[in-house]
Amino acid sequence: MLIREGRLGLAFLLVGVCTTGLFADDGVGVKKVTPVPRDVQPSQIPGSRPQNVVFILSDDHRYDAMSFLGHQFAETPHLDSLAANGVHFKNAFVTTSLCSPSRASILTGLYTFRHRVIDNNRLVPEGTIFFPQYLQKAGYAT
């Protein structure tokens, strides 16, 4: 994993923001989705300054299809530079192999059975909160 000082903390903070408070017990032991209220405001870590966030989601290829991972067919010099100077998660997994459900999981922090995007044609339910919305609440322009 390539890490620049301070960036890993931001990554964990963002994951925590995206997954905290999403589930509530309905009284019979079954968990259901309860969206984070829209008025929730992320708090600033004292003494910290906002970091730039560049989120790149590359879809529909093998995990090693970039030249910084040793692939010799595809040349990806700009992504190589970003990986060398940012964060690259070497051991990452998706929850489903289909494109739309996988993207929905990545951008909501929810498993497929929670966001209900089970194929490449189904829309996410109204009111679903996505990663960029959490960034907006934290003052980022998306």
C-alpha atoms as a PDB file:
ATOM      1  CA  MET A   1       0.000   0.000   0.000  1.00  0.00           C
ATOM      2  CA  LEU A   2       1.398   3.397  -0.977  1.00  0.00           C
ATOM      3  CA  ILE A   3       0.562   6.003   1.646  1.00  0.00           C
ATOM      4  CA  ARG A   4       1.377   9.673   1.998  1.00  0.00           C
ATOM      5  CA  GLU A   5       1.436  10.947   5.547  1.00  0.00           C
ATOM      6  CA  GLY A   6      -2.029  11.942   6.757  1.00  0.00           C
ATOM      7  CA  ARG A   7      -3.948  10.544   3.798  1.00  0.00           C
ATOM      8  CA  LEU A   8      -4.737   7.155   5.347  1.00  0.00           C
ATOM      9  CA  GLY A   9      -6.495   8.849   8.270  1.00  0.00           C
ATOM     10  CA  LEU A  10      -8.671  10.753   5.809  1.00  0.00           C
ATOM     11  CA  ALA A  11      -9.506   7.537   3.946  1.00  0.00           C
ATOM     12  CA  PHE A  12     -10.600   5.826   7.169  1.00  0.00           C
ATOM     13  CA  LEU A  13     -12.556   8.927   8.196  1.00  0.00           C
ATOM     14  CA  LEU A  14     -14.425   8.932   4.890  1.00  0.00           C
ATOM     15  CA  VAL A  15     -15.201   5.219   5.138  1.00  0.00           C
ATOM     16  CA  GLY A  16     -16.500   5.772   8.667  1.00  0.00           C
ATOM     17  CA  VAL A  17     -18.674   8.685   7.543  1.00  0.00           C
ATOM     18  CA  CYS A  18     -20.091   6.583   4.726  1.00  0.00           C
ATOM     19  CA  THR A  19     -20.998   3.612   6.904  1.00  0.00           C
ATOM     20  CA  THR A  20     -21.917   5.033  10.313  1.00  0.00           C
ATOM     21  CA  GLY A  21     -25.578   5.044  11.272  1.00  0.00           C
ATOM     22  CA  LEU A  22     -26.947   3.155   8.293  1.00  0.00           C
ATOM     23  CA  PHE A  23     -28.640   0.278  10.111  1.00  0.00           C
ATOM     24  CA  ALA A  24     -31.357   0.086  12.773  1.00  0.00           C
ATOM     25  CA  ASP A  25     -33.081  -2.890  14.392  1.00  0.00           C
ATOM     26  CA  ASP A  26     -36.763  -3.241  13.457  1.00  0.00           C
ATOM     27  CA  GLY A  27     -37.572  -5.105  16.691  1.00  0.00           C
ATOM     28  CA  VAL A  28     -37.494  -8.628  15.279  1.00  0.00           C
ATOM     29  CA  GLY A  29     -33.757  -8.869  14.805  1.00  0.00           C
ATOM     30  CA  VAL A  30     -33.799  -7.881  11.117  1.00  0.00           C
ATOM     31  CA  LYS A  31     -31.703  -4.905  10.173  1.00  0.00           C
ATOM     32  CA  LYS A  32     -33.110  -2.334   7.774  1.00  0.00           C
ATOM     33  CA  VAL A  33     -31.580   0.712   6.138  1.00  0.00           C
ATOM     34  CA  THR A  34     -32.093   3.998   7.930  1.00  0.00           C
ATOM     35  CA  PRO A  35     -30.416   6.781   5.966  1.00  0.00           C
ATOM     36  CA  VAL A  36     -28.167   9.207   7.791  1.00  0.00           C
ATOM     37  CA  PRO A  37     -30.237  12.366   8.440  1.00  0.00           C
ATOM     38  CA  ARG A  38     -29.528  15.130   5.952  1.00  0.00           C
ATOM     39  CA  ASP A  39     -28.754  17.589   8.763  1.00  0.00           C
ATOM     40  CA  VAL A  40     -25.790  15.530  10.049  1.00  0.00           C
ATOM     41  CA  GLN A  41     -22.596  17.540   9.735  1.00  0.00           C
ATOM     42  CA  PRO A  42     -19.153  15.906   9.725  1.00  0.00           C
ATOM     43  CA  SER A  43     -16.874  17.383  12.363  1.00  0.00           C
ATOM     44  CA  GLN A  44     -13.417  18.772  11.704  1.00  0.00           C
ATOM     45  CA  ILE A  45     -10.444  17.187  13.429  1.00  0.00           C
ATOM     46  CA  PRO A  46      -8.864  19.923  15.587  1.00  0.00           C
ATOM     47  CA  GLY A  47      -5.600  21.204  14.127  1.00  0.00           C
ATOM     48  CA  SER A  48      -6.144  19.527  10.764  1.00  0.00           C
ATOM     49  CA  ARG A  49      -6.610  21.128   7.397  1.00  0.00           C
ATOM     50  CA  PRO A  50      -8.861  19.802   4.640  1.00  0.00           C
ATOM     51  CA  GLN A  51      -7.132  17.441   2.222  1.00  0.00           C
ATOM     52  CA  ASN A  52      -7.811  17.240  -1.474  1.00  0.00           C
ATOM     53  CA  VAL A  53      -9.709  14.112  -2.440  1.00  0.00           C
ATOM     54  CA  VAL A  54      -9.373  12.582  -5.893  1.00  0.00           C
ATOM     55  CA  PHE A  55     -11.614   9.544  -6.194  1.00  0.00           C
ATOM     56  CA  ILE A  56     -11.025   7.515  -9.348  1.00  0.00           C
ATOM     57  CA  LEU A  57     -13.234   4.546 -10.052  1.00  0.00           C
ATOM     58  CA  SER A  58     -11.996   2.506 -12.971  1.00  0.00           C
ATOM     59  CA  ASP A  59     -14.492  -0.110 -14.070  1.00  0.00           C
ATOM     60  CA  ASP A  60     -14.693  -3.297 -16.079  1.00  0.00           C
ATOM     61  CA  HIS A  61     -11.121  -4.574 -16.098  1.00  0.00           C
ATOM     62  CA  ARG A  62      -8.844  -6.852 -14.111  1.00  0.00           C
ATOM     63  CA  TYR A  63      -7.309  -5.642 -10.865  1.00  0.00           C
ATOM     64  CA  ASP A  64      -3.817  -5.517 -12.410  1.00  0.00           C
ATOM     65  CA  ALA A  65      -4.681  -3.767 -15.685  1.00  0.00           C
ATOM     66  CA  MET A  66      -2.547  -0.690 -14.994  1.00  0.00           C
ATOM     67  CA  SER A  67       1.149  -0.367 -15.710  1.00  0.00           C
ATOM     68  CA  PHE A  68       2.136   0.532 -12.111  1.00  0.00           C
ATOM     69  CA  LEU A  69       0.893  -2.950 -11.164  1.00  0.00           C
ATOM     70  CA  GLY A  70       3.142  -4.596 -13.732  1.00  0.00           C
ATOM     71  CA  HIS A  71       0.739  -4.842 -16.677  1.00  0.00           C
ATOM     72  CA  GLN A  72       2.774  -4.539 -19.872  1.00  0.00           C
ATOM     73  CA  PHE A  73      -0.044  -4.035 -22.381  1.00  0.00           C
ATOM     74  CA  ALA A  74      -1.810  -0.978 -20.947  1.00  0.00           C
ATOM     75  CA  GLU A  75       0.304   2.113 -20.350  1.00  0.00           C
ATOM     76  CA  THR A  76      -1.159   4.314 -17.619  1.00  0.00           C
ATOM     77  CA  PRO A  77       1.508   6.934 -16.766  1.00  0.00           C
ATOM     78  CA  HIS A  78      -0.886   9.417 -15.139  1.00  0.00           C
ATOM     79  CA  LEU A  79      -2.491   6.771 -12.935  1.00  0.00           C
ATOM     80  CA  ASP A  80       1.010   5.481 -12.142  1.00  0.00           C
ATOM     81  CA  SER A  81       1.951   8.955 -10.889  1.00  0.00           C
ATOM     82  CA  LEU A  82      -1.215   9.259  -8.811  1.00  0.00           C
ATOM     83  CA  ALA A  83      -0.588   5.843  -7.259  1.00  0.00           C
ATOM     84  CA  ALA A  84       3.020   6.732  -6.447  1.00  0.00           C
ATOM     85  CA  ASN A  85       2.061  10.022  -4.777  1.00  0.00           C
ATOM     86  CA  GLY A  86      -1.290   9.129  -3.228  1.00  0.00           C
ATOM     87  CA  VAL A  87      -3.068   6.103  -1.824  1.00  0.00           C
ATOM     88  CA  HIS A  88      -3.493   2.819  -3.640  1.00  0.00           C
ATOM     89  CA  PHE A  89      -5.373   0.014  -1.895  1.00  0.00           C
ATOM     90  CA  LYS A  90      -3.537  -3.142  -2.892  1.00  0.00           C
ATOM     91  CA  ASN A  91      -5.926  -5.601  -1.256  1.00  0.00           C
ATOM     92  CA  ALA A  92      -9.422  -4.368  -2.166  1.00  0.00           C
ATOM     93  CA  PHE A  93     -12.549  -6.326  -3.026  1.00  0.00           C
ATOM     94  CA  VAL A  94     -15.954  -5.671  -4.548  1.00  0.00           C
ATOM     95  CA  THR A  95     -19.244  -7.034  -3.259  1.00  0.00           C
ATOM     96  CA  THR A  96     -20.501  -8.100  -6.678  1.00  0.00           C
ATOM     97  CA  SER A  97     -19.021  -8.635 -10.117  1.00  0.00           C
ATOM     98  CA  LEU A  98     -21.767  -6.716 -11.955  1.00  0.00           C
ATOM     99  CA  CYS A  99     -20.915  -3.095 -12.800  1.00  0.00           C
ATOM    100  CA  SER A 100     -23.921  -1.115 -11.511  1.00  0.00           C
ATOM    101  CA  PRO A 101     -24.386  -3.011  -8.226  1.00  0.00           C
ATOM    102  CA  SER A 102     -20.640  -2.779  -7.575  1.00  0.00           C
ATOM    103  CA  ARG A 103     -20.562   0.980  -8.226  1.00  0.00           C
ATOM    104  CA  ALA A 104     -23.651   1.464  -6.039  1.00  0.00           C
ATOM    105  CA  SER A 105     -21.916  -0.383  -3.181  1.00  0.00           C
ATOM    106  CA  ILE A 106     -18.711   1.628  -3.552  1.00  0.00           C
ATOM    107  CA  LEU A 107     -20.539   4.968  -3.687  1.00  0.00           C
ATOM    108  CA  THR A 108     -23.033   4.274  -0.866  1.00  0.00           C
ATOM    109  CA  GLY A 109     -21.055   2.060   1.501  1.00  0.00           C
ATOM    110  CA  LEU A 110     -23.913  -0.468   1.415  1.00  0.00           C
ATOM    111  CA  TYR A 111     -24.080  -4.107   0.387  1.00  0.00           C
ATOM    112  CA  THR A 112     -26.208  -4.976  -2.651  1.00  0.00           C
ATOM    113  CA  PHE A 113     -29.086  -6.345  -0.577  1.00  0.00           C
ATOM    114  CA  ARG A 114     -29.213  -2.987   1.261  1.00  0.00           C
ATOM    115  CA  HIS A 115     -29.135  -0.582  -1.700  1.00  0.00           C
ATOM    116  CA  ARG A 116     -31.201  -3.002  -3.846  1.00  0.00           C
ATOM    117  CA  VAL A 117     -29.327  -2.417  -7.109  1.00  0.00           C
ATOM    118  CA  ILE A 118     -29.180  -6.075  -8.114  1.00  0.00           C
ATOM    119  CA  ASP A 119     -28.596  -5.749 -11.848  1.00  0.00           C
ATOM    120  CA  ASN A 120     -27.329  -3.218 -14.380  1.00  0.00           C
ATOM    121  CA  ASN A 121     -30.818  -1.768 -14.988  1.00  0.00           C
ATOM    122  CA  ARG A 122     -32.202  -1.117 -11.496  1.00  0.00           C
ATOM    123  CA  LEU A 123     -32.019   2.346  -9.909  1.00  0.00           C
ATOM    124  CA  VAL A 124     -31.085   3.042  -6.295  1.00  0.00           C
ATOM    125  CA  PRO A 125     -34.024   3.878  -4.023  1.00  0.00           C
ATOM    126  CA  GLU A 126     -34.896   7.547  -3.601  1.00  0.00           C
ATOM    127  CA  GLY A 127     -33.151   9.119  -0.633  1.00  0.00           C
ATOM    128  CA  THR A 128     -29.990   7.022  -0.970  1.00  0.00           C
ATOM    129  CA  ILE A 129     -26.963   9.062   0.082  1.00  0.00           C
ATOM    130  CA  PHE A 130     -23.800   8.781  -1.994  1.00  0.00           C
ATOM    131  CA  PHE A 131     -20.143   9.419  -1.129  1.00  0.00           C
ATOM    132  CA  PRO A 132     -20.034  12.829  -2.918  1.00  0.00           C
ATOM    133  CA  GLN A 133     -22.952  14.050  -0.772  1.00  0.00           C
ATOM    134  CA  TYR A 134     -20.942  13.327   2.388  1.00  0.00           C
ATOM    135  CA  LEU A 135     -18.047  15.264   0.888  1.00  0.00           C
ATOM    136  CA  GLN A 136     -20.394  18.186   0.128  1.00  0.00           C
ATOM    137  CA  LYS A 137     -21.592  18.195   3.748  1.00  0.00           C
ATOM    138  CA  ALA A 138     -17.944  18.429   4.794  1.00  0.00           C
ATOM    139  CA  GLY A 139     -17.507  21.538   2.625  1.00  0.00           C
ATOM    140  CA  TYR A 140     -15.978  19.965  -0.474  1.00  0.00           C
ATOM    141  CA  ALA A 141     -17.026  20.981  -3.986  1.00  0.00           C
ATOM    142  CA  THR A 142     -17.970  17.922  -6.025  1.00  0.00           C
END
